[in-house]
Each structure stands twice: as structure tokens, then as C-alpha cells.
Amino acid sequence: MEWMIWLGAGISICGLAGLIVSILKVQKARRAKLSDDELRAAVQKVMPLNMGALFLSVIGLMIVILGIFIG
């Protein structure tokens, strides 16, 4: 089940990349000196990406653990 471990690691890395992208987008919005309402709107716009990336990371890690247990 080595392929499962590599598949899960790849999915986790994609999730990590999504988290990094969401962090960079929020940092860019903070550096733009937006008002509170505009900053809140920018963060809410990035939230689905953040949650999706977290979901991918968790699913990937679950696949890795499942591959370790089965293998």
C-alpha cells in the first residue's frame, strides 16, 4: 500500500499549498491598508479557499495513516 501513502502525501501537499496561497492573499489585503469592512470582506472571500485547503490536508493525512495501517 505504498501508493496510498504517496497519494495521501501528494494530497496533503496540495492542501498545504492552498493554505499558503490563502495566507498570502490575506497578507496582501492587510498591506493594502483597507478599511475594516473591506478587510473583513477580503478575508471572507478567502475563507472558502482556506477551508478547502484544510480539508484536503486532513483527507491526505488520513489516507497516509490508512496506508500505513494497511501496509
N, C-alpha and C. Protein backbone atom coordinates (compact mmCIF):
# COMPACT_ATOMS: atom_id res chain seq x y z
N MET A 1 0.81 -1.20 0.00
CA MET A 1 0.00 0.00 0.00
C MET A 1 0.86 1.27 0.00
N GLU A 2 2.03 1.15 -0.55
CA GLU A 2 2.92 2.30 -0.61
C GLU A 2 2.34 3.42 -1.47
N TRP A 3 1.58 3.06 -2.49
CA TRP A 3 0.99 4.07 -3.37
C TRP A 3 -0.01 4.93 -2.60
N MET A 4 -0.68 4.33 -1.60
CA MET A 4 -1.64 5.10 -0.81
C MET A 4 -0.94 6.18 0.01
N ILE A 5 0.23 5.82 0.53
CA ILE A 5 1.00 6.78 1.32
C ILE A 5 1.43 7.95 0.44
N TRP A 6 1.91 7.65 -0.76
CA TRP A 6 2.35 8.72 -1.66
C TRP A 6 1.17 9.56 -2.15
N LEU A 7 0.03 8.91 -2.40
CA LEU A 7 -1.16 9.64 -2.81
C LEU A 7 -1.60 10.60 -1.70
N GLY A 8 -1.65 10.12 -0.48
CA GLY A 8 -2.04 10.96 0.65
C GLY A 8 -1.06 12.10 0.87
N ALA A 9 0.23 11.83 0.70
CA ALA A 9 1.22 12.89 0.85
C ALA A 9 1.05 13.95 -0.22
N GLY A 10 0.75 13.53 -1.44
CA GLY A 10 0.52 14.49 -2.52
C GLY A 10 -0.70 15.35 -2.26
N ILE A 11 -1.77 14.73 -1.77
CA ILE A 11 -2.98 15.49 -1.46
C ILE A 11 -2.71 16.47 -0.32
N SER A 12 -1.96 16.04 0.68
CA SER A 12 -1.62 16.94 1.79
C SER A 12 -0.78 18.11 1.34
N ILE A 13 0.12 17.88 0.41
CA ILE A 13 0.96 18.96 -0.11
C ILE A 13 0.11 19.96 -0.90
N CYS A 14 -0.88 19.46 -1.65
CA CYS A 14 -1.79 20.37 -2.35
C CYS A 14 -2.56 21.22 -1.35
N GLY A 15 -3.00 20.61 -0.26
CA GLY A 15 -3.69 21.36 0.78
C GLY A 15 -2.79 22.40 1.41
N LEU A 16 -1.54 22.04 1.65
CA LEU A 16 -0.58 22.98 2.22
C LEU A 16 -0.34 24.16 1.28
N ALA A 17 -0.28 23.87 -0.01
CA ALA A 17 -0.10 24.94 -0.99
C ALA A 17 -1.31 25.89 -0.97
N GLY A 18 -2.50 25.33 -0.82
CA GLY A 18 -3.69 26.16 -0.73
C GLY A 18 -3.68 27.03 0.51
N LEU A 19 -3.20 26.49 1.62
CA LEU A 19 -3.10 27.29 2.84
C LEU A 19 -2.12 28.44 2.67
N ILE A 20 -1.01 28.18 2.01
CA ILE A 20 -0.03 29.23 1.77
C ILE A 20 -0.61 30.32 0.88
N VAL A 21 -1.36 29.92 -0.14
CA VAL A 21 -1.98 30.90 -1.03
C VAL A 21 -2.97 31.76 -0.26
N SER A 22 -3.77 31.14 0.61
CA SER A 22 -4.74 31.92 1.37
C SER A 22 -4.05 32.87 2.34
N ILE A 23 -2.96 32.45 2.94
CA ILE A 23 -2.20 33.34 3.84
C ILE A 23 -1.65 34.53 3.06
N LEU A 24 -1.11 34.26 1.88
CA LEU A 24 -0.56 35.35 1.07
C LEU A 24 -1.63 36.34 0.63
N LYS A 25 -2.83 35.83 0.31
CA LYS A 25 -3.91 36.74 -0.10
C LYS A 25 -4.35 37.63 1.06
N VAL A 26 -4.42 37.08 2.26
CA VAL A 26 -4.82 37.89 3.41
C VAL A 26 -3.72 38.90 3.74
N GLN A 27 -2.46 38.49 3.65
CA GLN A 27 -1.36 39.43 3.89
C GLN A 27 -1.40 40.58 2.89
N LYS A 28 -1.69 40.27 1.64
CA LYS A 28 -1.78 41.31 0.62
C LYS A 28 -2.90 42.29 0.94
N ALA A 29 -4.01 41.76 1.42
CA ALA A 29 -5.14 42.64 1.78
C ALA A 29 -4.79 43.50 2.99
N ARG A 30 -4.05 42.94 3.94
CA ARG A 30 -3.67 43.72 5.12
C ARG A 30 -2.69 44.83 4.76
N ARG A 31 -1.79 44.54 3.85
CA ARG A 31 -0.80 45.55 3.44
C ARG A 31 -1.42 46.66 2.60
N ALA A 32 -2.60 46.41 2.05
CA ALA A 32 -3.25 47.42 1.20
C ALA A 32 -3.90 48.52 2.03
N LYS A 33 -3.81 48.41 3.36
CA LYS A 33 -4.38 49.43 4.26
C LYS A 33 -5.87 49.65 3.99
N LEU A 34 -6.62 48.56 3.88
CA LEU A 34 -8.05 48.65 3.64
C LEU A 34 -8.78 49.03 4.93
N SER A 35 -9.98 49.52 4.78
CA SER A 35 -10.79 49.80 5.96
C SER A 35 -11.22 48.47 6.59
N ASP A 36 -11.79 48.56 7.78
CA ASP A 36 -12.18 47.34 8.49
C ASP A 36 -13.19 46.51 7.69
N ASP A 37 -14.17 47.18 7.12
CA ASP A 37 -15.19 46.46 6.36
C ASP A 37 -14.62 45.82 5.10
N GLU A 38 -13.74 46.55 4.42
CA GLU A 38 -13.13 45.99 3.21
C GLU A 38 -12.21 44.83 3.55
N LEU A 39 -11.47 44.95 4.65
CA LEU A 39 -10.58 43.87 5.07
C LEU A 39 -11.40 42.64 5.47
N ARG A 40 -12.49 42.85 6.17
CA ARG A 40 -13.37 41.75 6.56
C ARG A 40 -13.94 41.05 5.32
N ALA A 41 -14.31 41.82 4.31
CA ALA A 41 -14.83 41.25 3.07
C ALA A 41 -13.75 40.45 2.34
N ALA A 42 -12.52 40.95 2.36
CA ALA A 42 -11.42 40.24 1.70
C ALA A 42 -11.14 38.92 2.41
N VAL A 43 -11.17 38.93 3.73
CA VAL A 43 -10.92 37.71 4.49
C VAL A 43 -12.05 36.71 4.27
N GLN A 44 -13.29 37.19 4.22
CA GLN A 44 -14.42 36.30 3.96
C GLN A 44 -14.35 35.70 2.56
N LYS A 45 -13.78 36.43 1.63
CA LYS A 45 -13.63 35.93 0.27
C LYS A 45 -12.59 34.80 0.21
N VAL A 46 -11.58 34.87 1.05
CA VAL A 46 -10.52 33.86 1.07
C VAL A 46 -10.91 32.64 1.91
N MET A 47 -11.90 32.78 2.78
CA MET A 47 -12.26 31.71 3.70
C MET A 47 -12.60 30.38 3.03
N PRO A 48 -13.36 30.34 1.92
CA PRO A 48 -13.62 29.03 1.28
C PRO A 48 -12.35 28.33 0.81
N LEU A 49 -11.39 29.09 0.29
CA LEU A 49 -10.11 28.50 -0.12
C LEU A 49 -9.38 27.92 1.09
N ASN A 50 -9.40 28.66 2.18
CA ASN A 50 -8.74 28.22 3.40
C ASN A 50 -9.37 26.92 3.92
N MET A 51 -10.68 26.88 3.98
CA MET A 51 -11.37 25.69 4.49
C MET A 51 -11.16 24.49 3.56
N GLY A 52 -11.20 24.73 2.25
CA GLY A 52 -10.96 23.65 1.30
C GLY A 52 -9.55 23.10 1.41
N ALA A 53 -8.59 23.99 1.61
CA ALA A 53 -7.20 23.55 1.76
C ALA A 53 -7.01 22.75 3.05
N LEU A 54 -7.65 23.19 4.12
CA LEU A 54 -7.59 22.42 5.37
C LEU A 54 -8.21 21.04 5.18
N PHE A 55 -9.33 20.99 4.47
CA PHE A 55 -10.00 19.72 4.20
C PHE A 55 -9.08 18.79 3.41
N LEU A 56 -8.44 19.31 2.38
CA LEU A 56 -7.50 18.49 1.59
C LEU A 56 -6.35 17.97 2.45
N SER A 57 -5.83 18.82 3.29
CA SER A 57 -4.72 18.40 4.15
C SER A 57 -5.14 17.28 5.09
N VAL A 58 -6.30 17.42 5.69
CA VAL A 58 -6.78 16.39 6.62
C VAL A 58 -7.06 15.09 5.89
N ILE A 59 -7.72 15.15 4.74
CA ILE A 59 -8.00 13.93 3.97
C ILE A 59 -6.70 13.26 3.55
N GLY A 60 -5.74 14.05 3.11
CA GLY A 60 -4.45 13.48 2.71
C GLY A 60 -3.75 12.78 3.87
N LEU A 61 -3.76 13.40 5.03
CA LEU A 61 -3.13 12.77 6.19
C LEU A 61 -3.87 11.51 6.61
N MET A 62 -5.20 11.51 6.46
CA MET A 62 -5.97 10.30 6.78
C MET A 62 -5.61 9.17 5.82
N ILE A 63 -5.42 9.48 4.55
CA ILE A 63 -5.02 8.47 3.57
C ILE A 63 -3.63 7.93 3.89
N VAL A 64 -2.73 8.80 4.31
CA VAL A 64 -1.38 8.36 4.69
C VAL A 64 -1.46 7.38 5.86
N ILE A 65 -2.21 7.72 6.88
CA ILE A 65 -2.33 6.86 8.06
C ILE A 65 -3.00 5.55 7.68
N LEU A 66 -4.03 5.60 6.84
CA LEU A 66 -4.68 4.38 6.39
C LEU A 66 -3.71 3.50 5.60
N GLY A 67 -2.89 4.11 4.76
CA GLY A 67 -1.90 3.33 4.01
C GLY A 67 -0.86 2.71 4.92
N ILE A 68 -0.48 3.38 5.99
CA ILE A 68 0.47 2.81 6.94
C ILE A 68 -0.13 1.64 7.68
N PHE A 69 -1.39 1.78 8.12
CA PHE A 69 -2.04 0.69 8.84
C PHE A 69 -2.28 -0.54 7.96
N ILE A 70 -2.69 -0.31 6.73
CA ILE A 70 -2.97 -1.43 5.82
C ILE A 70 -1.67 -2.11 5.38
N GLY A 71 -0.67 -1.28 5.10
CA GLY A 71 0.60 -1.80 4.59
C GLY A 71 1.41 -2.33 5.68
